[in-house]
C-alpha atoms as a PDB file:
ATOM      1  CA  MET A   1       8.809  15.929 -50.166  1.00  0.00           C
ATOM      2  CA  ASN A   2       5.649  14.747 -52.133  1.00  0.00           C
ATOM      3  CA  SER A   3       2.316  14.262 -50.259  1.00  0.00           C
ATOM      4  CA  ALA A   4       0.355  11.167 -50.737  1.00  0.00           C
ATOM      5  CA  TYR A   5      -2.428  13.230 -52.116  1.00  0.00           C
ATOM      6  CA  ASP A   6      -0.289  14.837 -54.928  1.00  0.00           C
ATOM      7  CA  ARG A   7      -1.397  12.536 -57.597  1.00  0.00           C
ATOM      8  CA  LEU A   8      -4.998  11.957 -56.564  1.00  0.00           C
ATOM      9  CA  PRO A   9      -7.412  12.762 -59.327  1.00  0.00           C
ATOM     10  CA  LEU A  10      -9.628  15.037 -57.010  1.00  0.00           C
ATOM     11  CA  ASN A  11     -11.675  16.705 -59.615  1.00  0.00           C
ATOM     12  CA  ALA A  12     -12.198  13.628 -61.453  1.00  0.00           C
ATOM     13  CA  LEU A  13     -13.774  11.972 -58.384  1.00  0.00           C
ATOM     14  CA  ARG A  14     -16.058  14.889 -58.036  1.00  0.00           C
ATOM     15  CA  VAL A  15     -17.076  14.622 -61.662  1.00  0.00           C
ATOM     16  CA  PHE A  16     -17.539  10.687 -61.254  1.00  0.00           C
ATOM     17  CA  GLU A  17     -20.104  11.319 -58.265  1.00  0.00           C
ATOM     18  CA  ALA A  18     -22.126  13.754 -60.382  1.00  0.00           C
ATOM     19  CA  VAL A  19     -22.318  11.343 -63.255  1.00  0.00           C
ATOM     20  CA  ALA A  20     -22.795   8.128 -61.088  1.00  0.00           C
ATOM     21  CA  SER A  21     -25.884  10.271 -59.215  1.00  0.00           C
ATOM     22  CA  ARG A  22     -27.452  10.895 -62.601  1.00  0.00           C
ATOM     23  CA  LEU A  23     -26.229   8.267 -64.848  1.00  0.00           C
ATOM     24  CA  ASN A  24     -26.312  10.863 -67.640  1.00  0.00           C
ATOM     25  CA  PHE A  25     -23.083  12.702 -68.969  1.00  0.00           C
ATOM     26  CA  GLY A  26     -25.018  15.578 -70.095  1.00  0.00           C
ATOM     27  CA  GLU A  27     -26.929  16.129 -67.005  1.00  0.00           C
ATOM     28  CA  ALA A  28     -23.970  15.987 -64.862  1.00  0.00           C
ATOM     29  CA  ALA A  29     -22.210  18.324 -67.210  1.00  0.00           C
ATOM     30  CA  GLU A  30     -25.011  20.821 -66.589  1.00  0.00           C
ATOM     31  CA  ALA A  31     -25.017  20.442 -62.810  1.00  0.00           C
ATOM     32  CA  LEU A  32     -21.048  21.103 -62.820  1.00  0.00           C
ATOM     33  CA  ASN A  33     -21.369  23.950 -65.146  1.00  0.00           C
ATOM     34  CA  VAL A  34     -18.752  22.285 -67.843  1.00  0.00           C
ATOM     35  CA  THR A  35     -19.266  20.860 -71.345  1.00  0.00           C
ATOM     36  CA  PRO A  36     -20.025  16.933 -71.722  1.00  0.00           C
ATOM     37  CA  ALA A  37     -16.412  16.550 -73.450  1.00  0.00           C
ATOM     38  CA  ALA A  38     -14.828  17.832 -70.177  1.00  0.00           C
ATOM     39  CA  VAL A  39     -16.903  15.323 -68.281  1.00  0.00           C
ATOM     40  CA  SER A  40     -15.916  12.530 -70.413  1.00  0.00           C
ATOM     41  CA  GLN A  41     -12.212  13.469 -70.202  1.00  0.00           C
ATOM     42  CA  GLN A  42     -12.299  13.735 -66.385  1.00  0.00           C
ATOM     43  CA  ILE A  43     -13.951  10.237 -66.360  1.00  0.00           C
ATOM     44  CA  LYS A  44     -11.362   8.867 -68.827  1.00  0.00           C
ATOM     45  CA  THR A  45      -8.559  10.428 -66.374  1.00  0.00           C
ATOM     46  CA  LEU A  46      -9.919   8.615 -63.388  1.00  0.00           C
ATOM     47  CA  GLU A  47     -10.411   5.237 -65.192  1.00  0.00           C
ATOM     48  CA  ASP A  48      -6.844   5.399 -66.221  1.00  0.00           C
ATOM     49  CA  TYR A  49      -5.790   6.091 -62.764  1.00  0.00           C
ATOM     50  CA  LEU A  50      -7.428   3.071 -61.512  1.00  0.00           C
ATOM     51  CA  GLN A  51      -6.782   0.993 -64.584  1.00  0.00           C
ATOM     52  CA  THR A  52     -10.555  -0.246 -64.510  1.00  0.00           C
ATOM     53  CA  PRO A  53     -13.884   1.015 -66.187  1.00  0.00           C
ATOM     54  CA  LEU A  54     -16.224   2.641 -64.117  1.00  0.00           C
ATOM     55  CA  PHE A  55     -19.371   3.173 -66.623  1.00  0.00           C
ATOM     56  CA  ARG A  56     -20.800   1.136 -69.281  1.00  0.00           C
ATOM     57  CA  ARG A  57     -22.053   3.096 -72.098  1.00  0.00           C
ATOM     58  CA  THR A  58     -24.922   1.574 -74.476  1.00  0.00           C
ATOM     59  CA  GLY A  59     -26.253   4.385 -76.614  1.00  0.00           C
ATOM     60  CA  ARG A  60     -27.606   7.028 -74.166  1.00  0.00           C
ATOM     61  CA  ASN A  61     -27.757   4.669 -71.366  1.00  0.00           C
ATOM     62  CA  VAL A  62     -25.129   4.821 -68.754  1.00  0.00           C
ATOM     63  CA  GLN A  63     -24.627   2.089 -65.959  1.00  0.00           C
ATOM     64  CA  LEU A  64     -21.943   1.730 -63.282  1.00  0.00           C
ATOM     65  CA  THR A  65     -19.785  -1.262 -63.622  1.00  0.00           C
ATOM     66  CA  PRO A  66     -19.010  -3.279 -60.523  1.00  0.00           C
ATOM     67  CA  GLU A  67     -15.910  -1.504 -60.044  1.00  0.00           C
ATOM     68  CA  GLY A  68     -17.809   1.819 -60.234  1.00  0.00           C
ATOM     69  CA  THR A  69     -20.557   0.402 -57.777  1.00  0.00           C
ATOM     70  CA  ASP A  70     -17.839  -0.334 -55.234  1.00  0.00           C
ATOM     71  CA  LEU A  71     -16.021   3.093 -55.693  1.00  0.00           C
ATOM     72  CA  LEU A  72     -19.035   5.391 -55.367  1.00  0.00           C
ATOM     73  CA  PRO A  73     -19.676   5.097 -51.318  1.00  0.00           C
ATOM     74  CA  GLY A  74     -16.392   5.794 -50.676  1.00  0.00           C
ATOM     75  CA  VAL A  75     -16.081   8.980 -52.804  1.00  0.00           C
ATOM     76  CA  ARG A  76     -19.512  10.160 -51.281  1.00  0.00           C
ATOM     77  CA  ARG A  77     -18.223   9.768 -47.745  1.00  0.00           C
ATOM     78  CA  GLY A  78     -15.091  11.750 -48.626  1.00  0.00           C
ATOM     79  CA  LEU A  79     -16.835  14.525 -50.337  1.00  0.00           C
ATOM     80  CA  ASP A  80     -19.268  14.554 -47.426  1.00  0.00           C
ATOM     81  CA  GLU A  81     -16.652  14.907 -44.953  1.00  0.00           C
ATOM     82  CA  LEU A  82     -14.921  17.530 -46.980  1.00  0.00           C
ATOM     83  CA  GLU A  83     -17.853  19.518 -47.457  1.00  0.00           C
ATOM     84  CA  THR A  84     -18.642  19.258 -43.702  1.00  0.00           C
ATOM     85  CA  THR A  85     -15.230  20.505 -42.801  1.00  0.00           C
ATOM     86  CA  LEU A  86     -15.345  23.329 -45.308  1.00  0.00           C
ATOM     87  CA  ASN A  87     -18.721  24.570 -44.010  1.00  0.00           C
ATOM     88  CA  ARG A  88     -17.431  24.378 -40.346  1.00  0.00           C
ATOM     89  CA  LEU A  89     -14.388  26.730 -41.361  1.00  0.00           C
ATOM     90  CA  LYS A  90     -16.796  29.122 -43.119  1.00  0.00           C
ATOM     91  CA  ARG A  91     -19.201  29.065 -40.055  1.00  0.00           C
ATOM     92  CA  ALA A  92     -15.865  29.751 -37.871  1.00  0.00           C
ATOM     93  CA  ARG A  93     -15.117  33.072 -39.836  1.00  0.00           C
ATOM     94  CA  GLN A  94     -18.533  34.383 -38.526  1.00  0.00           C
ATOM     95  CA  SER A  95     -18.614  33.157 -34.970  1.00  0.00           C
ATOM     96  CA  GLY A  96     -17.077  30.622 -32.500  1.00  0.00           C
ATOM     97  CA  ILE A  97     -13.607  30.912 -30.821  1.00  0.00           C
ATOM     98  CA  ILE A  98     -11.276  34.043 -30.897  1.00  0.00           C
ATOM     99  CA  ASN A  99      -7.936  33.409 -29.182  1.00  0.00           C
ATOM    100  CA  VAL A 100      -6.698  36.657 -27.816  1.00  0.00           C
ATOM    101  CA  SER A 101      -3.602  37.638 -25.893  1.00  0.00           C
ATOM    102  CA  MET A 102      -3.263  40.555 -23.679  1.00  0.00           C
ATOM    103  CA  LEU A 103      -1.696  42.059 -20.618  1.00  0.00           C
ATOM    104  CA  ALA A 104      -3.108  40.600 -17.444  1.00  0.00           C
ATOM    105  CA  SER A 105      -3.805  43.935 -15.696  1.00  0.00           C
ATOM    106  CA  PHE A 106      -5.934  45.316 -18.903  1.00  0.00           C
ATOM    107  CA  LEU A 107      -7.955  42.042 -18.806  1.00  0.00           C
ATOM    108  CA  GLN A 108      -8.395  42.043 -14.986  1.00  0.00           C
ATOM    109  CA  LYS A 109      -9.196  45.893 -14.541  1.00  0.00           C
ATOM    110  CA  TRP A 110     -10.723  47.095 -17.838  1.00  0.00           C
ATOM    111  CA  LEU A 111     -11.917  44.325 -19.935  1.00  0.00           C
ATOM    112  CA  THR A 112     -13.409  41.694 -17.611  1.00  0.00           C
ATOM    113  CA  PRO A 113     -15.917  44.106 -16.287  1.00  0.00           C
ATOM    114  CA  ARG A 114     -17.247  44.426 -19.775  1.00  0.00           C
ATOM    115  CA  LEU A 115     -17.185  40.816 -21.267  1.00  0.00           C
ATOM    116  CA  ALA A 116     -20.939  40.379 -20.146  1.00  0.00           C
ATOM    117  CA  ARG A 117     -22.006  43.244 -22.396  1.00  0.00           C
ATOM    118  CA  LEU A 118     -19.946  41.410 -25.212  1.00  0.00           C
ATOM    119  CA  HIS A 119     -22.061  38.190 -24.876  1.00  0.00           C
ATOM    120  CA  THR A 120     -25.195  40.231 -25.058  1.00  0.00           C
ATOM    121  CA  ALA A 121     -24.115  42.055 -28.218  1.00  0.00           C
ATOM    122  CA  HIS A 122     -22.047  38.975 -29.839  1.00  0.00           C
ATOM    123  CA  PRO A 123     -23.568  35.620 -28.163  1.00  0.00           C
ATOM    124  CA  ASP A 124     -21.873  33.567 -30.908  1.00  0.00           C
ATOM    125  CA  ILE A 125     -18.255  34.538 -30.236  1.00  0.00           C
ATOM    126  CA  GLU A 126     -16.177  33.008 -27.706  1.00  0.00           C
ATOM    127  CA  LEU A 127     -13.250  34.406 -26.217  1.00  0.00           C
ATOM    128  CA  HIS A 128     -10.132  32.292 -25.189  1.00  0.00           C
ATOM    129  CA  LEU A 129      -8.038  34.878 -23.423  1.00  0.00           C
ATOM    130  CA  HIS A 130      -4.104  34.456 -22.681  1.00  0.00           C
ATOM    131  CA  THR A 131      -2.289  36.911 -20.577  1.00  0.00           C
ATOM    132  CA  SER A 132       1.456  37.571 -21.373  1.00  0.00           C
ATOM    133  CA  ARG A 133       3.849  40.701 -21.827  1.00  0.00           C
ATOM    134  CA  ASP A 134       5.217  38.838 -24.736  1.00  0.00           C
ATOM    135  CA  PRO A 135       4.827  39.723 -28.263  1.00  0.00           C
ATOM    136  CA  VAL A 136       2.643  37.202 -30.219  1.00  0.00           C
ATOM    137  CA  ASP A 137       4.512  35.152 -32.893  1.00  0.00           C
ATOM    138  CA  PHE A 138       1.205  34.516 -35.047  1.00  0.00           C
ATOM    139  CA  SER A 139       3.009  32.135 -37.567  1.00  0.00           C
ATOM    140  CA  ARG A 140       3.813  29.864 -34.690  1.00  0.00           C
ATOM    141  CA  THR A 141       0.751  30.132 -32.474  1.00  0.00           C
ATOM    142  CA  ASP A 142      -3.047  29.670 -33.056  1.00  0.00           C
ATOM    143  CA  PHE A 143      -3.749  33.434 -31.686  1.00  0.00           C
ATOM    144  CA  HIS A 144      -6.189  35.299 -33.731  1.00  0.00           C
ATOM    145  CA  ALA A 145      -5.149  38.642 -32.409  1.00  0.00           C
ATOM    146  CA  ALA A 146      -3.558  40.696 -29.374  1.00  0.00           C
ATOM    147  CA  ILE A 147      -4.339  43.622 -27.441  1.00  0.00           C
ATOM    148  CA  ARG A 148      -1.178  45.409 -26.959  1.00  0.00           C
ATOM    149  CA  PHE A 149       0.059  48.385 -25.012  1.00  0.00           C
ATOM    150  CA  GLY A 150       2.795  50.261 -27.040  1.00  0.00           C
ATOM    151  CA  THR A 151       3.569  52.671 -29.930  1.00  0.00           C
ATOM    152  CA  GLY A 152       1.488  50.867 -32.544  1.00  0.00           C
ATOM    153  CA  LYS A 153       4.279  49.925 -34.829  1.00  0.00           C
ATOM    154  CA  TYR A 154       3.852  46.215 -35.425  1.00  0.00           C
ATOM    155  CA  PRO A 155       5.525  45.343 -38.796  1.00  0.00           C
ATOM    156  CA  GLU A 156       3.427  43.309 -41.515  1.00  0.00           C
ATOM    157  CA  LEU A 157       0.532  43.056 -39.003  1.00  0.00           C
ATOM    158  CA  HIS A 158      -2.806  44.867 -38.998  1.00  0.00           C
ATOM    159  CA  SER A 159      -2.965  47.219 -36.061  1.00  0.00           C
ATOM    160  CA  MET A 160      -5.547  49.653 -35.014  1.00  0.00           C
ATOM    161  CA  LYS A 161      -5.665  52.188 -32.020  1.00  0.00           C
ATOM    162  CA  VAL A 162      -8.299  51.378 -29.518  1.00  0.00           C
ATOM    163  CA  MET A 163      -7.812  53.502 -26.781  1.00  0.00           C
ATOM    164  CA  ASP A 164      -5.507  56.313 -25.318  1.00  0.00           C
ATOM    165  CA  GLU A 165      -3.808  56.043 -21.910  1.00  0.00           C
ATOM    166  CA  TRP A 166      -3.513  58.364 -19.026  1.00  0.00           C
ATOM    167  CA  LEU A 167      -1.358  58.593 -15.708  1.00  0.00           C
ATOM    168  CA  VAL A 168      -2.917  59.802 -12.370  1.00  0.00           C
ATOM    169  CA  ALA A 169      -1.919  59.917  -8.850  1.00  0.00           C
ATOM    170  CA  VAL A 170      -3.961  57.823  -6.556  1.00  0.00           C
ATOM    171  CA  ALA A 171      -4.265  56.856  -2.919  1.00  0.00           C
ATOM    172  CA  ALA A 172      -6.694  55.580  -0.317  1.00  0.00           C
ATOM    173  CA  PRO A 173      -8.887  58.219   1.246  1.00  0.00           C
ATOM    174  CA  ALA A 174      -7.170  57.751   4.580  1.00  0.00           C
ATOM    175  CA  VAL A 175      -3.606  58.105   3.298  1.00  0.00           C
ATOM    176  CA  ILE A 176      -5.008  61.529   1.725  1.00  0.00           C
ATOM    177  CA  ARG A 177      -6.443  62.787   4.981  1.00  0.00           C
ATOM    178  CA  LYS A 178      -3.094  62.026   6.816  1.00  0.00           C
ATOM    179  CA  TYR A 179      -0.675  63.443   4.192  1.00  0.00           C
ATOM    180  CA  GLY A 180      -2.645  65.612   1.862  1.00  0.00           C
ATOM    181  CA  MET A 181      -3.139  66.196  -1.980  1.00  0.00           C
ATOM    182  CA  LEU A 182      -0.202  66.101  -4.104  1.00  0.00           C
ATOM    183  CA  THR A 183       0.860  69.157  -6.288  1.00  0.00           C
ATOM    184  CA  GLU A 184       3.830  69.853  -8.611  1.00  0.00           C
ATOM    185  CA  SER A 185       5.907  71.269  -5.640  1.00  0.00           C
ATOM    186  CA  THR A 186       4.964  68.365  -3.158  1.00  0.00           C
ATOM    187  CA  ASP A 187       8.515  66.656  -1.855  1.00  0.00           C
ATOM    188  CA  VAL A 188       7.299  63.076  -2.672  1.00  0.00           C
ATOM    189  CA  SER A 189      10.242  61.593  -0.750  1.00  0.00           C
ATOM    190  CA  GLN A 190       8.741  62.330   2.520  1.00  0.00           C
ATOM    191  CA  LEU A 191       5.666  60.452   1.818  1.00  0.00           C
ATOM    192  CA  PRO A 192       4.751  56.618   1.525  1.00  0.00           C
ATOM    193  CA  LEU A 193       5.373  55.425  -2.208  1.00  0.00           C
ATOM    194  CA  LEU A 194       4.397  52.663  -4.278  1.00  0.00           C
ATOM    195  CA  HIS A 195       6.318  51.886  -7.395  1.00  0.00           C
ATOM    196  CA  GLY A 196       5.010  50.376 -10.578  1.00  0.00           C
ATOM    197  CA  THR A 197       6.262  50.044 -14.174  1.00  0.00           C
ATOM    198  CA  ASP A 198       4.554  52.899 -15.621  1.00  0.00           C
ATOM    199  CA  PHE A 199       5.765  56.117 -13.801  1.00  0.00           C
ATOM    200  CA  PRO A 200       9.266  57.022 -11.947  1.00  0.00           C
ATOM    201  CA  TRP A 201       8.380  59.002  -8.939  1.00  0.00           C
ATOM    202  CA  GLU A 202      11.750  60.409  -9.041  1.00  0.00           C
ATOM    203  CA  THR A 203      10.289  62.582 -11.992  1.00  0.00           C
ATOM    204  CA  TRP A 204       7.485  64.185  -9.785  1.00  0.00           C
ATOM    205  CA  ASN A 205       9.997  66.830  -8.270  1.00  0.00           C
ATOM    206  CA  ALA A 206      12.582  68.962 -10.059  1.00  0.00           C
ATOM    207  CA  SER A 207      15.289  68.617  -7.239  1.00  0.00           C
ATOM    208  CA  GLU A 208      17.896  66.265  -8.031  1.00  0.00           C
ATOM    209  CA  THR A 209      18.213  65.395  -4.085  1.00  0.00           C
ATOM    210  CA  ASP A 210      14.278  64.915  -3.937  1.00  0.00           C
ATOM    211  CA  ARG A 211      14.447  62.776  -7.136  1.00  0.00           C
ATOM    212  CA  LYS A 212      17.036  60.248  -5.459  1.00  0.00           C
ATOM    213  CA  ARG A 213      14.958  59.930  -2.294  1.00  0.00           C
ATOM    214  CA  ALA A 214      11.753  59.431  -4.215  1.00  0.00           C
ATOM    215  CA  GLN A 215      13.157  56.209  -5.415  1.00  0.00           C
ATOM    216  CA  ARG A 216      12.679  54.694  -2.001  1.00  0.00           C
ATOM    217  CA  GLY A 217       9.326  52.626  -1.403  1.00  0.00           C
ATOM    218  CA  VAL A 218       7.652  49.410  -2.201  1.00  0.00           C
ATOM    219  CA  PHE A 219       8.281  48.228  -5.861  1.00  0.00           C
ATOM    220  CA  MET A 220       5.758  45.794  -7.825  1.00  0.00           C
ATOM    221  CA  ASP A 221       5.755  44.672 -11.317  1.00  0.00           C
ATOM    222  CA  ASP A 222       1.980  44.087 -11.565  1.00  0.00           C
ATOM    223  CA  SER A 223      -0.466  46.918 -11.933  1.00  0.00           C
ATOM    224  CA  ALA A 224      -3.239  45.146 -10.258  1.00  0.00           C
ATOM    225  CA  ASN A 225      -1.211  44.471  -7.286  1.00  0.00           C
ATOM    226  CA  VAL A 226       0.120  47.987  -7.011  1.00  0.00           C
ATOM    227  CA  ILE A 227      -3.963  49.031  -7.097  1.00  0.00           C
ATOM    228  CA  ALA A 228      -4.501  46.584  -4.336  1.00  0.00           C
ATOM    229  CA  ALA A 229      -1.758  47.998  -2.357  1.00  0.00           C
ATOM    230  CA  VAL A 230      -3.004  51.525  -2.987  1.00  0.00           C
ATOM    231  CA  ALA A 231      -6.537  50.664  -1.444  1.00  0.00           C
ATOM    232  CA  GLU A 232      -4.777  48.818   1.702  1.00  0.00           C
ATOM    233  CA  GLY A 233      -3.495  52.305   2.542  1.00  0.00           C
ATOM    234  CA  LEU A 234       0.143  51.464   1.825  1.00  0.00           C
ATOM    235  CA  GLY A 235       0.916  54.683  -0.228  1.00  0.00           C
ATOM    236  CA  TYR A 236       0.382  56.906  -3.043  1.00  0.00           C
ATOM    237  CA  SER A 237       0.874  55.723  -6.691  1.00  0.00           C
ATOM    238  CA  VAL A 238       0.930  56.939 -10.065  1.00  0.00           C
ATOM    239  CA  MET A 239      -1.427  54.479 -11.975  1.00  0.00           C
ATOM    240  CA  ARG A 240      -2.575  54.228 -15.631  1.00  0.00           C
ATOM    241  CA  TRP A 241      -6.236  55.658 -15.929  1.00  0.00           C
ATOM    242  CA  THR A 242      -8.042  52.443 -17.604  1.00  0.00           C
ATOM    243  CA  LEU A 243      -6.963  50.218 -14.770  1.00  0.00           C
ATOM    244  CA  VAL A 244      -7.831  52.353 -11.876  1.00  0.00           C
ATOM    245  CA  ALA A 245     -10.935  54.029 -12.948  1.00  0.00           C
ATOM    246  CA  ALA A 246     -13.061  51.427 -11.582  1.00  0.00           C
ATOM    247  CA  ASP A 247     -11.617  51.694  -8.145  1.00  0.00           C
ATOM    248  CA  LEU A 248     -11.953  55.386  -8.257  1.00  0.00           C
ATOM    249  CA  ALA A 249     -15.612  54.948  -9.027  1.00  0.00           C
ATOM    250  CA  ALA A 250     -16.154  52.643  -6.221  1.00  0.00           C
ATOM    251  CA  GLY A 251     -14.304  54.742  -3.563  1.00  0.00           C
ATOM    252  CA  ARG A 252     -11.437  52.240  -2.847  1.00  0.00           C
ATOM    253  CA  VAL A 253      -9.112  54.799  -3.993  1.00  0.00           C
ATOM    254  CA  GLU A 254      -9.140  58.623  -4.635  1.00  0.00           C
ATOM    255  CA  LEU A 255      -7.311  60.805  -6.850  1.00  0.00           C
ATOM    256  CA  ALA A 256      -4.507  62.358  -5.010  1.00  0.00           C
ATOM    257  CA  SER A 257      -3.461  65.089  -7.615  1.00  0.00           C
ATOM    258  CA  GLU A 258      -4.947  67.356 -10.238  1.00  0.00           C
ATOM    259  CA  ARG A 259      -2.150  66.487 -12.549  1.00  0.00           C
ATOM    260  CA  VAL A 260      -2.927  64.335 -15.329  1.00  0.00           C
ATOM    261  CA  PHE A 261      -0.074  62.673 -17.745  1.00  0.00           C
ATOM    262  CA  PRO A 262      -0.435  61.300 -21.065  1.00  0.00           C
ATOM    263  CA  HIS A 263       0.977  58.171 -21.481  1.00  0.00           C
ATOM    264  CA  ARG A 264       3.460  57.532 -24.214  1.00  0.00           C
ATOM    265  CA  PHE A 265       1.856  54.415 -25.163  1.00  0.00           C
ATOM    266  CA  ALA A 266      -1.705  53.366 -26.104  1.00  0.00           C
ATOM    267  CA  TYR A 267      -3.728  50.197 -26.555  1.00  0.00           C
ATOM    268  CA  TYR A 268      -3.620  48.385 -30.045  1.00  0.00           C
ATOM    269  CA  PHE A 269      -5.848  45.858 -31.564  1.00  0.00           C
ATOM    270  CA  VAL A 270      -3.426  43.913 -33.546  1.00  0.00           C
ATOM    271  CA  CYS A 271      -3.590  40.633 -35.952  1.00  0.00           C
ATOM    272  CA  PRO A 272      -2.413  39.046 -39.221  1.00  0.00           C
ATOM    273  CA  GLU A 273      -3.427  41.081 -42.106  1.00  0.00           C
ATOM    274  CA  ALA A 274      -5.029  37.479 -43.335  1.00  0.00           C
ATOM    275  CA  TYR A 275      -7.256  37.600 -40.130  1.00  0.00           C
ATOM    276  CA  ALA A 276      -8.053  41.575 -40.325  1.00  0.00           C
ATOM    277  CA  THR A 277     -11.237  40.874 -42.433  1.00  0.00           C
ATOM    278  CA  LEU A 278     -12.682  37.733 -40.465  1.00  0.00           C
ATOM    279  CA  PRO A 279     -16.301  38.776 -39.640  1.00  0.00           C
ATOM    280  CA  LYS A 280     -15.943  37.667 -36.040  1.00  0.00           C
ATOM    281  CA  LEU A 281     -12.790  39.614 -35.518  1.00  0.00           C
ATOM    282  CA  ILE A 282     -14.312  42.690 -37.113  1.00  0.00           C
ATOM    283  CA  ALA A 283     -17.228  42.234 -34.571  1.00  0.00           C
ATOM    284  CA  PHE A 284     -14.854  41.891 -31.696  1.00  0.00           C
ATOM    285  CA  ARG A 285     -12.607  44.719 -32.606  1.00  0.00           C
ATOM    286  CA  GLY A 286     -15.873  47.153 -33.236  1.00  0.00           C
ATOM    287  CA  TRP A 287     -16.973  46.019 -29.976  1.00  0.00           C
ATOM    288  CA  LEU A 288     -13.575  47.189 -28.220  1.00  0.00           C
ATOM    289  CA  VAL A 289     -13.656  50.298 -29.942  1.00  0.00           C
ATOM    290  CA  GLU A 290     -17.327  50.963 -28.886  1.00  0.00           C
ATOM    291  CA  MET A 291     -16.352  50.611 -25.395  1.00  0.00           C
ATOM    292  CA  ALA A 292     -13.409  52.554 -25.501  1.00  0.00           C
ATOM    293  CA  GLN A 293     -15.322  55.501 -26.882  1.00  0.00           C
ATOM    294  CA  ASP A 294     -17.605  55.207 -24.045  1.00  0.00           C
ATOM    295  CA  PHE A 295     -14.750  55.055 -21.318  1.00  0.00           C
ATOM    296  CA  PRO A 296     -14.392  58.552 -20.109  1.00  0.00           C
ATOM    297  CA  ASP A 297     -11.044  60.473 -20.037  1.00  0.00           C
ATOM    298  CA  PRO A 298      -9.758  61.212 -16.499  1.00  0.00           C
ATOM    299  CA  PRO A 299     -10.867  64.704 -15.003  1.00  0.00           C
ATOM    300  CA  GLY A 300      -8.419  67.387 -16.139  1.00  0.00           C
ATOM    301  CA  ALA A 301      -7.145  65.394 -19.153  1.00  0.00           C
ATOM    302  CA  PRO A 302      -6.385  67.697 -22.042  1.00  0.00           C
ATOM    303  CA  PRO A 303      -7.867  66.965 -25.282  1.00  0.00           C
ATOM    304  CA  ARG A 304      -5.682  65.037 -27.937  1.00  0.00           C
ATOM    305  CA  ALA A 305      -5.009  66.660 -31.009  1.00  0.00           C
ATOM    306  CA  GLY A 306      -7.277  65.816 -33.905  1.00  0.00           C
ATOM    307  CA  THR A 307      -9.758  63.887 -31.616  1.00  0.00           C
ATOM    308  CA  VAL A 308     -13.317  64.936 -30.224  1.00  0.00           C
ATOM    309  CA  PRO A 309     -13.020  65.493 -26.522  1.00  0.00           C
ATOM    310  CA  ARG A 310     -15.032  62.950 -24.594  1.00  0.00           C
ATOM    311  CA  ALA A 311     -16.983  63.740 -21.299  1.00  0.00           C
ATOM    312  CA  PRO A 312     -14.426  63.498 -18.507  1.00  0.00           C
ATOM    313  CA  ALA A 313     -15.088  61.198 -15.561  1.00  0.00           C
ATOM    314  CA  LYS A 314     -16.531  62.896 -12.496  1.00  0.00           C
ATOM    315  CA  ALA A 315     -13.591  63.671  -9.788  1.00  0.00           C
ATOM    316  CA  ARG A 316     -14.348  62.198  -6.486  1.00  0.00           C
ATOM    317  CA  PRO A 317     -13.580  64.609  -3.595  1.00  0.00           C
ATOM    318  CA  ALA A 318     -10.609  63.317  -1.593  1.00  0.00           C
ATOM    319  CA  GLY A 319     -11.811  61.980   1.655  1.00  0.00           C
ATOM    320  CA  VAL A 320     -15.239  61.382   0.409  1.00  0.00           C
ATOM    321  CA  ARG A 321     -16.597  57.739  -0.263  1.00  0.00           C
END
């Protein structure tokens, strides 16, 4: 289907404005970095399109015809609006809104406490955050990027690992005082358990009977709710380190075991290849990586192969706030 703009002589209109502003073909050609013959050809194209002369040429003198005089203000308004729009888009590459999708738990428990530092470092970046578990269809939405928790395999998209993840056992201080710390031999089926989506308690013990019993307890599909339930003293849970670290530091919950499990997933910054070089996305991605590098590993976490070990977080002794 043809557009109404398909046959508009847009380049000729730009040449027309240059000649009309100077009333000199040679000066217009110099300003446009083309030959005078090219300028003359573009003006002829426009006059043929409009079926009317736009300039009177008397020797070296050039004057606008009445039709040219009528055309000039409209052309200038159109070119001004086009330039304004293009400049706005160019500025938007550097700063402005970034639409980002991520898990609600990651936003609430890890990213939100750090957003003030993003504003300090990049005051011109404005995040519009959306929470969802669903993959982003960048071709049908206005999202610039997503922070995804997975394997990093996102076909036809730019993907960069931001941070590894770990699993740690936690409980409220009162629960640990009552039932004790967990070890590899602890029969967790005899304890109050909270179940999330990351770790099946039945894998804690080797006994098949214990595994079946360990499936009992309260199940929740939102990690932030599980952490809140742990803090209320409802039981033990195995949680993602990134989500529970702040509650551990504040003493609302405590580590209930020395066991640390590497998670099979990690956090990735994902965006279309066309967006990967946007300066504002480069700035946001770099800030995310910096925050992740400053975030400590859990106590007892083994170093990852090929990485420089970071200082682990200090463990808070059980029963001590």
